[in-house]
Protein backbone atom coordinates (compact mmCIF):
# COMPACT_ATOMS: atom_id res chain seq x y z
CA MET A 1 0.18 0.05 0.28
CA LYS A 2 1.49 3.06 -0.91
CA GLU A 3 1.76 6.13 1.51
CA ILE A 4 2.51 9.89 1.60
CA LEU A 5 5.36 11.56 3.13
CA ILE A 6 5.31 15.31 3.40
CA ARG A 7 7.48 18.35 4.72
CA ARG A 8 10.80 18.90 3.35
CA ASN A 9 13.33 17.22 5.85
CA THR A 10 11.41 14.08 6.16
CA VAL A 11 11.02 14.06 2.29
CA LEU A 12 14.50 14.81 1.59
CA GLU A 13 15.63 12.02 4.09
CA ALA A 14 13.34 9.64 2.42
CA LEU A 15 14.98 10.37 -1.01
CA ARG A 16 18.55 9.94 0.36
CA GLY A 17 17.63 6.66 2.06
CA SER A 18 17.22 3.51 0.32
CA ARG A 19 14.58 1.56 2.69
CA ARG A 20 11.55 1.43 -0.03
CA GLU A 21 10.28 2.55 -3.32
CA ILE A 22 9.63 5.67 -4.53
CA PHE A 23 7.38 6.96 -6.98
CA THR A 24 6.55 10.61 -7.46
CA LEU A 25 7.71 13.94 -5.83
CA TRP A 26 5.68 16.62 -6.09
CA LEU A 27 7.20 20.35 -5.54
CA GLN A 28 5.18 23.52 -5.09
CA ALA A 29 6.52 26.37 -6.91
CA GLY A 30 8.34 29.08 -5.17
CA LEU A 31 10.20 26.98 -2.67
CA ASP A 32 13.55 27.96 -1.38
CA LYS A 33 16.37 27.25 -4.33
CA LYS A 34 18.70 25.35 -2.41
CA LEU A 35 16.26 23.13 -1.09
CA ALA A 36 14.34 22.38 -4.24
CA ARG A 37 17.88 21.76 -6.07
CA LEU A 38 18.72 19.32 -3.23
CA LEU A 39 15.08 17.56 -3.54
CA ARG A 40 15.38 17.78 -7.51
CA GLU A 41 18.93 16.03 -7.32
CA ALA A 42 17.82 13.42 -4.89
CA ALA A 43 15.01 12.39 -6.74
CA GLN A 44 16.70 12.03 -10.18
CA GLN A 45 19.30 9.96 -8.33
CA ARG A 46 16.60 7.78 -7.72
CA GLY A 47 15.03 8.05 -10.96
CA VAL A 48 11.81 9.60 -9.26
CA ARG A 49 9.22 11.28 -11.20
CA ILE A 50 8.80 14.93 -10.42
CA GLN A 51 5.72 16.91 -10.78
CA PRO A 52 5.16 20.60 -9.97
CA ALA A 53 1.86 21.24 -7.96
CA ASP A 54 0.39 24.09 -6.56
CA LYS A 55 -0.32 24.15 -2.61
CA GLN A 56 -3.95 23.19 -2.78
CA LYS A 57 -3.23 20.26 -4.97
CA ILE A 58 -0.15 18.84 -2.66
CA GLY A 59 -2.79 19.38 0.40
CA HIS A 60 -5.26 17.52 -1.47
CA ILE A 61 -2.58 14.74 -2.14
CA ALA A 62 -1.23 14.58 1.62
CA LYS A 63 -4.66 15.34 3.00
CA ASP A 64 -2.62 17.53 5.19
CA HIS A 65 -2.30 21.40 4.75
CA SER A 66 1.22 21.66 6.78
CA HIS A 67 3.38 19.91 3.82
CA GLN A 68 5.60 22.57 3.33
CA GLY A 69 5.10 22.54 -0.40
CA VAL A 70 6.73 18.81 -0.78
CA ALA A 71 4.86 15.57 -0.84
CA LEU A 72 6.40 12.12 -1.86
CA GLU A 73 4.63 8.78 -2.68
CA VAL A 74 6.41 5.82 -1.46
CA GLY A 75 5.97 2.37 -0.97
CA PRO A 76 5.00 0.98 2.59
CA TYR A 77 7.76 0.99 5.29
CA VAL A 78 10.02 -2.09 5.36
CA TYR A 79 11.22 -3.33 8.44
CA ASN A 80 14.45 -5.16 9.23
CA ASP A 81 15.29 -8.14 11.74
CA VAL A 82 17.14 -8.18 14.86
CA ASP A 83 19.83 -10.06 13.32
CA GLU A 84 20.45 -7.27 10.60
CA ILE A 85 20.59 -4.72 13.55
CA LEU A 86 23.42 -6.91 15.23
CA GLY A 87 25.12 -7.43 11.70
CA LEU A 88 25.54 -3.73 11.38
CA ALA A 89 27.23 -3.20 14.88
CA GLU A 90 29.71 -5.92 13.78
CA ARG A 91 30.47 -4.32 10.47
CA ARG A 92 31.04 -1.26 12.07
CA GLY A 93 33.47 -2.73 14.80
CA GLU A 94 31.25 -1.49 17.45
CA ARG A 95 29.60 -2.90 20.78
CA PRO A 96 25.86 -3.17 20.11
CA PHE A 97 23.77 -0.10 20.95
CA LEU A 98 20.04 -0.63 20.71
CA LEU A 99 16.73 0.80 21.75
CA LEU A 100 13.82 -1.19 22.49
CA LEU A 101 10.19 0.41 22.71
CA ASP A 102 7.77 -1.25 24.89
CA LEU A 103 4.38 -0.40 23.47
CA LEU A 104 5.53 3.07 23.58
CA HIS A 105 2.40 5.03 21.90
CA GLY A 106 2.20 8.52 20.16
CA PRO A 107 3.95 9.19 16.86
CA GLN A 108 5.65 12.41 18.33
CA ASN A 109 7.00 10.32 21.26
CA ILE A 110 8.06 7.43 18.70
CA GLY A 111 9.36 9.85 16.05
CA SER A 112 11.42 12.30 18.88
CA LEU A 113 12.98 9.03 19.98
CA LEU A 114 14.15 7.63 16.76
CA ARG A 115 15.56 10.78 15.59
CA THR A 116 17.70 10.95 18.86
CA ALA A 117 18.62 7.22 18.29
CA GLU A 118 19.91 7.94 14.82
CA ILE A 119 21.74 10.72 15.63
CA CYS A 120 23.49 9.22 18.42
CA GLY A 121 24.66 6.21 16.18
CA VAL A 122 22.23 3.53 17.50
CA HIS A 123 22.37 0.48 15.57
CA GLY A 124 18.79 -0.15 15.58
CA VAL A 125 15.28 -0.24 17.04
CA ILE A 126 13.24 -3.03 18.25
CA VAL A 127 9.46 -2.89 18.57
CA GLN A 128 6.81 -5.30 19.23
CA ASP A 129 4.45 -6.18 16.22
CA ARG A 130 1.10 -6.34 18.40
CA ARG A 131 -0.48 -3.74 20.37
CA ALA A 132 2.21 -1.28 19.02
CA PRO A 133 2.07 1.31 16.62
CA GLU A 134 3.57 1.15 13.04
CA ILE A 135 6.13 3.17 11.64
CA THR A 136 3.66 5.43 9.89
CA PRO A 137 4.15 8.36 7.90
CA ALA A 138 3.31 10.60 11.07
CA VAL A 139 6.10 8.77 13.05
CA VAL A 140 8.59 9.44 10.04
CA GLN A 141 7.61 13.17 9.79
CA TYR A 142 8.36 13.66 13.69
CA SER A 143 11.68 11.71 13.22
CA ALA A 144 12.63 14.38 10.66
CA GLY A 145 13.19 11.55 8.54
CA ALA A 146 15.59 9.57 10.65
CA ALA A 147 13.05 6.56 10.60
CA GLU A 148 14.12 6.22 6.88
CA HIS A 149 18.08 5.52 7.79
CA LEU A 150 17.49 3.58 11.12
CA LEU A 151 17.35 -0.18 10.87
CA ILE A 152 13.84 -1.16 12.75
CA ALA A 153 12.84 -4.44 13.74
CA GLN A 154 9.29 -6.03 14.67
CA VAL A 155 9.20 -8.86 16.95
CA THR A 156 6.39 -10.93 18.14
CA ASN A 157 7.56 -11.31 22.10
CA LEU A 158 9.89 -8.62 23.41
CA VAL A 159 10.71 -10.40 26.62
CA GLN A 160 11.84 -13.21 24.45
CA THR A 161 14.08 -10.95 22.26
CA ILE A 162 15.52 -9.46 25.23
CA ARG A 163 16.71 -13.01 26.68
CA GLN A 164 18.25 -13.62 23.24
CA LEU A 165 19.98 -10.46 23.41
CA GLN A 166 21.41 -11.24 26.95
CA ALA A 167 22.50 -14.60 25.80
CA LYS A 168 24.68 -12.31 23.39
CA ASN A 169 26.10 -10.29 26.27
CA ILE A 170 24.08 -7.42 25.64
CA TRP A 171 23.09 -5.46 28.60
CA ILE A 172 19.13 -4.61 28.97
CA VAL A 173 18.94 -1.25 30.71
CA GLY A 174 15.19 0.01 31.12
CA MET A 175 13.79 3.40 32.18
CA ASP A 176 12.00 3.08 35.39
CA LEU A 177 10.37 5.57 38.22
CA ALA A 178 10.42 2.96 40.72
CA GLU A 179 12.19 3.71 44.12
CA ASP A 180 14.59 0.69 44.10
CA ALA A 181 15.62 1.76 40.43
CA GLN A 182 19.23 3.16 40.35
CA SER A 183 20.14 6.76 39.42
CA LEU A 184 21.46 7.56 36.15
CA GLY A 185 25.02 8.51 37.38
CA GLN A 186 25.23 5.36 39.29
CA VAL A 187 26.00 3.01 36.25
CA ASP A 188 28.93 3.13 33.84
CA LEU A 189 26.73 2.55 30.33
CA ASN A 190 29.87 2.04 28.54
CA MET A 191 29.14 -1.54 27.56
CA PRO A 192 26.91 -3.76 24.97
CA LEU A 193 23.73 -2.20 25.64
CA GLY A 194 19.80 -2.16 24.92
CA ILE A 195 17.86 0.58 26.16
CA VAL A 196 14.09 0.15 26.97
CA VAL A 197 11.69 2.74 26.93
CA GLY A 198 8.09 1.97 27.99
CA HIS A 199 4.46 3.36 27.69
CA GLU A 200 4.12 6.71 28.44
CA GLY A 201 1.85 6.52 31.35
CA GLN A 202 2.21 3.06 32.63
CA GLY A 203 6.10 2.30 31.89
CA MET A 204 7.33 -1.07 31.21
CA ARG A 205 5.32 -4.09 31.62
CA ARG A 206 6.06 -6.11 34.35
CA LEU A 207 7.86 -9.05 32.66
CA VAL A 208 9.87 -6.42 30.48
CA ARG A 209 10.55 -4.64 33.65
CA GLN A 210 11.71 -8.19 35.61
CA SER A 211 13.75 -9.06 32.38
CA CYS A 212 15.80 -6.05 32.57
CA ASP A 213 19.52 -6.35 33.94
CA ILE A 214 19.46 -2.82 35.32
CA ARG A 215 16.74 -0.38 35.91
CA LEU A 216 17.55 3.34 35.75
CA LYS A 217 15.47 6.38 36.92
CA LEU A 218 16.70 10.10 35.94
CA PRO A 219 17.60 12.18 39.35
CA GLN A 220 15.15 15.11 39.42
CA LYS A 221 15.08 18.51 41.35
CA GLY A 222 12.07 20.26 40.25
CA HIS A 223 8.43 20.22 41.23
CA VAL A 224 6.86 18.18 38.38
CA GLU A 225 6.36 14.67 38.55
CA SER A 226 8.55 13.40 35.62
CA LEU A 227 9.72 14.03 32.15
CA ASN A 228 7.86 12.37 29.19
CA ALA A 229 9.08 8.98 28.00
CA ALA A 230 10.51 10.68 24.63
CA VAL A 231 12.56 13.23 26.48
CA ALA A 232 13.68 10.80 29.47
CA GLY A 233 14.73 8.27 26.72
CA SER A 234 16.58 10.60 24.82
CA ILE A 235 18.46 11.53 27.62
CA LEU A 236 19.48 8.24 28.20
CA ILE A 237 20.47 7.55 24.87
CA TYR A 238 22.87 10.56 24.92
CA GLN A 239 24.27 9.59 28.34
CA ALA A 240 25.08 6.15 26.69
CA TRP A 241 26.58 7.76 23.72
CA GLN A 242 28.67 9.90 26.17
CA ALA A 243 29.81 6.86 28.05
CA ARG A 244 31.05 5.54 24.70
CA GLY A 245 33.20 8.91 24.20
CA PHE A 246 30.86 9.98 21.44
CA GLY A 247 32.39 7.27 19.27
């Protein structure tokens, strides 16, 4: 089933990536010349048809008027598998650096975390294929196109996948608000690592929580109860990347 991606950064990263088929690029007249050139060059390299269109037509195609004058017709999102993710780490000569999403919902939350993960060099993201959102055009948009570059695997049973990763000597660290969770500064994250971010309101499910090697909470000083899942997860991803020397 074909999908429509919109907004400049999202479309440009989809054109630069190689994840899925791309069919047509619609461009509105009057776009910034440099941006229009980048989009055209990327589309031509992929052999994508380019069509001029006015603002109203693009809005009709996208069913969204926040398109920024750009729309891209693409094939369905193509997922990877866990072995591909681990293979990428091996090819790079790096210890695995993974993000696991335990039924996290909301395209903005998911997209924001994917954007952070891609920037910080996470090798791949693992999500459950039931009761969890797909990587939709909205998620891709909120990720600013990062989802088009990341390896993302869907698994049937996240707990079973965690155990398989642990058998490969990958430490599983979950974000948790419980009193008995360790504080972020108490743990050296410079190790083969899978970071688990749970549901925005409920956190990790019980069996996922029990499967973690380490549960971490972020220290707090202010009055509000907690950070949202995307912000907290992004802080932990950056902390882990810093522990690796930003390498």
